[in-house]
C-alpha cells in the first residue's frame, strides 16, 4: 500500500517525471498535498515549470526571424 504523505525526495522525483510523462491522479494529488505544506518543493516546482516554459520557447519556430530571412 502506498502512503499518501510524500517526502521532499519523492516530490522532486515526481515533479521531474511529470516533465516526461503524464502523472497519475494519485501522484498529482500526493504532490499537490505536499506542495501545500512545503515551500522548498513549491519553489522547485516553480523553477521546473519556468525551465519547461523556456525550453518550449526555444523549440518553437520563431516566425519573426523566419520572415526576416525571406
N, C-alpha and C. Protein backbone atom coordinates (compact mmCIF):
# COMPACT_ATOMS: atom_id res chain seq x y z
N UNK A 1 0.85 -1.19 0.00
CA UNK A 1 0.00 0.00 0.00
C UNK A 1 0.89 1.24 0.00
N UNK A 2 0.57 2.18 -0.85
CA UNK A 2 1.35 3.40 -0.98
C UNK A 2 0.87 4.44 0.03
N UNK A 3 1.83 5.14 0.62
CA UNK A 3 1.50 6.19 1.58
C UNK A 3 0.98 7.42 0.86
N UNK A 4 0.15 8.17 1.56
CA UNK A 4 -0.37 9.41 0.99
C UNK A 4 0.67 10.52 1.18
N UNK A 5 1.29 10.57 2.36
CA UNK A 5 2.27 11.62 2.63
C UNK A 5 3.52 11.38 1.80
N UNK A 6 4.02 12.45 1.19
CA UNK A 6 5.16 12.37 0.28
C UNK A 6 6.35 13.08 0.91
N UNK A 7 7.53 12.52 0.73
CA UNK A 7 8.74 13.19 1.19
C UNK A 7 9.20 14.18 0.12
N UNK A 8 10.12 15.07 0.51
CA UNK A 8 10.65 16.03 -0.45
C UNK A 8 11.38 15.31 -1.58
N UNK A 9 12.09 14.25 -1.26
CA UNK A 9 12.81 13.48 -2.28
C UNK A 9 11.82 12.90 -3.30
N UNK A 10 10.73 12.35 -2.81
CA UNK A 10 9.69 11.81 -3.70
C UNK A 10 9.07 12.93 -4.53
N UNK A 11 8.82 14.07 -3.90
CA UNK A 11 8.20 15.20 -4.61
C UNK A 11 9.09 15.65 -5.76
N UNK A 12 10.39 15.76 -5.52
CA UNK A 12 11.32 16.17 -6.59
C UNK A 12 11.30 15.15 -7.73
N UNK A 13 11.27 13.87 -7.38
CA UNK A 13 11.24 12.82 -8.41
C UNK A 13 9.96 12.93 -9.23
N UNK A 14 8.83 13.12 -8.57
CA UNK A 14 7.54 13.18 -9.27
C UNK A 14 7.46 14.44 -10.14
N UNK A 15 7.95 15.56 -9.63
CA UNK A 15 7.96 16.79 -10.43
C UNK A 15 8.79 16.56 -11.69
N UNK A 16 9.96 15.96 -11.54
CA UNK A 16 10.84 15.70 -12.68
C UNK A 16 10.20 14.71 -13.66
N UNK A 17 9.60 13.66 -13.13
CA UNK A 17 8.95 12.68 -14.00
C UNK A 17 7.77 13.31 -14.74
N UNK A 18 7.13 14.28 -14.11
CA UNK A 18 6.00 14.95 -14.73
C UNK A 18 6.39 15.74 -15.98
N UNK A 19 7.68 16.00 -16.15
CA UNK A 19 8.15 16.66 -17.36
C UNK A 19 8.13 15.71 -18.55
N UNK A 20 8.27 14.42 -18.28
CA UNK A 20 8.39 13.42 -19.34
C UNK A 20 7.13 12.61 -19.60
N UNK A 21 6.23 12.61 -18.63
CA UNK A 21 5.03 11.78 -18.79
C UNK A 21 3.89 12.40 -17.99
N UNK A 22 2.68 11.96 -18.29
CA UNK A 22 1.51 12.39 -17.52
C UNK A 22 1.51 11.65 -16.19
N UNK A 23 1.32 12.38 -15.12
CA UNK A 23 1.26 11.77 -13.80
C UNK A 23 -0.13 11.19 -13.56
N UNK A 24 -0.17 10.13 -12.76
CA UNK A 24 -1.46 9.53 -12.41
C UNK A 24 -2.21 10.48 -11.48
N UNK A 25 -3.49 10.26 -11.34
CA UNK A 25 -4.30 11.08 -10.45
C UNK A 25 -3.74 11.01 -9.02
N UNK A 26 -3.39 9.83 -8.56
CA UNK A 26 -2.86 9.66 -7.22
C UNK A 26 -1.54 10.42 -7.04
N UNK A 27 -0.67 10.37 -8.05
CA UNK A 27 0.60 11.11 -7.98
C UNK A 27 0.34 12.61 -7.92
N UNK A 28 -0.58 13.08 -8.74
CA UNK A 28 -0.90 14.51 -8.75
C UNK A 28 -1.47 14.97 -7.41
N UNK A 29 -2.35 14.16 -6.83
CA UNK A 29 -2.95 14.51 -5.54
C UNK A 29 -1.90 14.52 -4.43
N UNK A 30 -1.06 13.50 -4.40
CA UNK A 30 0.00 13.44 -3.38
C UNK A 30 0.93 14.64 -3.51
N UNK A 31 1.31 14.97 -4.74
CA UNK A 31 2.19 16.10 -4.98
C UNK A 31 1.52 17.40 -4.56
N UNK A 32 0.29 17.57 -4.93
CA UNK A 32 -0.44 18.79 -4.58
C UNK A 32 -0.52 18.97 -3.06
N UNK A 33 -0.78 17.87 -2.34
CA UNK A 33 -0.82 17.93 -0.88
C UNK A 33 0.54 18.33 -0.32
N UNK A 34 1.60 17.74 -0.86
CA UNK A 34 2.95 18.05 -0.37
C UNK A 34 3.29 19.52 -0.65
N UNK A 35 2.95 20.00 -1.81
CA UNK A 35 3.28 21.38 -2.17
C UNK A 35 2.54 22.39 -1.29
N UNK A 36 1.41 22.01 -0.77
CA UNK A 36 0.66 22.92 0.12
C UNK A 36 1.39 23.15 1.43
N UNK A 37 2.24 22.20 1.83
CA UNK A 37 2.91 22.34 3.13
C UNK A 37 4.41 22.57 3.02
N UNK A 38 4.97 22.48 1.82
CA UNK A 38 6.43 22.57 1.68
C UNK A 38 6.81 23.70 0.72
N UNK A 39 7.34 24.77 1.30
CA UNK A 39 7.74 25.92 0.48
C UNK A 39 8.91 25.59 -0.45
N UNK A 40 9.86 24.80 0.04
CA UNK A 40 11.03 24.47 -0.78
C UNK A 40 10.62 23.70 -2.04
N UNK A 41 9.76 22.74 -1.89
CA UNK A 41 9.32 21.96 -3.06
C UNK A 41 8.42 22.78 -3.97
N UNK A 42 7.67 23.71 -3.40
CA UNK A 42 6.86 24.61 -4.21
C UNK A 42 7.76 25.47 -5.08
N UNK A 43 8.86 25.97 -4.50
CA UNK A 43 9.82 26.74 -5.30
C UNK A 43 10.46 25.87 -6.38
N UNK A 44 10.84 24.63 -6.03
CA UNK A 44 11.42 23.71 -7.00
C UNK A 44 10.45 23.47 -8.15
N UNK A 45 9.19 23.25 -7.83
CA UNK A 45 8.17 23.02 -8.85
C UNK A 45 8.05 24.24 -9.76
N UNK A 46 8.09 25.43 -9.19
CA UNK A 46 8.02 26.65 -9.98
C UNK A 46 9.23 26.81 -10.89
N UNK A 47 10.41 26.46 -10.37
CA UNK A 47 11.62 26.53 -11.19
C UNK A 47 11.55 25.55 -12.36
N UNK A 48 11.04 24.37 -12.10
CA UNK A 48 10.92 23.38 -13.18
C UNK A 48 9.90 23.83 -14.22
N UNK A 49 8.83 24.46 -13.77
CA UNK A 49 7.83 24.99 -14.70
C UNK A 49 8.44 26.09 -15.57
N UNK A 50 9.26 26.94 -14.97
CA UNK A 50 9.93 28.00 -15.72
C UNK A 50 10.89 27.41 -16.76
N UNK A 51 11.64 26.39 -16.38
CA UNK A 51 12.54 25.72 -17.33
C UNK A 51 11.76 25.07 -18.48
N UNK A 52 10.65 24.44 -18.14
CA UNK A 52 9.81 23.80 -19.15
C UNK A 52 9.31 24.84 -20.14
N UNK A 53 8.87 25.97 -19.63
CA UNK A 53 8.37 27.05 -20.48
C UNK A 53 9.48 27.60 -21.38
N UNK A 54 10.66 27.78 -20.83
CA UNK A 54 11.79 28.28 -21.62
C UNK A 54 12.17 27.30 -22.71
N UNK A 55 12.17 26.02 -22.41
CA UNK A 55 12.51 25.01 -23.41
C UNK A 55 11.48 24.97 -24.54
N UNK A 56 10.22 25.16 -24.19
CA UNK A 56 9.18 25.19 -25.23
C UNK A 56 9.40 26.37 -26.17
N UNK A 57 9.78 27.52 -25.60
CA UNK A 57 10.03 28.69 -26.43
C UNK A 57 11.23 28.49 -27.33
N UNK A 58 12.26 27.81 -26.82
CA UNK A 58 13.44 27.54 -27.63
C UNK A 58 13.15 26.57 -28.77
N UNK A 59 12.27 25.62 -28.52
CA UNK A 59 12.00 24.61 -29.55
C UNK A 59 10.93 25.06 -30.54
N UNK A 60 10.20 26.15 -30.23
CA UNK A 60 9.17 26.64 -31.13
C UNK A 60 9.83 27.44 -32.25
N UNK A 61 9.33 27.29 -33.48
CA UNK A 61 9.89 28.08 -34.58
C UNK A 61 9.63 29.55 -34.35
N UNK A 62 10.62 30.36 -34.62
CA UNK A 62 10.50 31.81 -34.45
C UNK A 62 10.00 32.41 -35.76
N UNK A 63 8.72 32.75 -35.81
CA UNK A 63 8.11 33.27 -37.04
C UNK A 63 8.74 34.57 -37.50
N UNK A 64 9.04 35.45 -36.57
CA UNK A 64 9.61 36.76 -36.94
C UNK A 64 10.96 36.59 -37.60
N UNK A 65 11.82 35.75 -37.06
CA UNK A 65 13.15 35.53 -37.64
C UNK A 65 13.03 34.87 -39.00
N UNK A 66 12.08 33.97 -39.14
CA UNK A 66 11.91 33.29 -40.43
C UNK A 66 11.42 34.23 -41.50
N UNK A 67 10.59 35.20 -41.14
CA UNK A 67 10.07 36.14 -42.12
C UNK A 67 11.12 37.15 -42.54
N UNK A 68 12.02 37.52 -41.62
CA UNK A 68 13.08 38.48 -41.95
C UNK A 68 14.05 37.91 -42.97
N UNK A 69 14.28 36.62 -42.95
CA UNK A 69 15.23 35.98 -43.85
C UNK A 69 14.70 35.87 -45.27
N UNK A 70 13.38 35.90 -45.45
CA UNK A 70 12.78 35.70 -46.77
C UNK A 70 12.89 36.91 -47.62
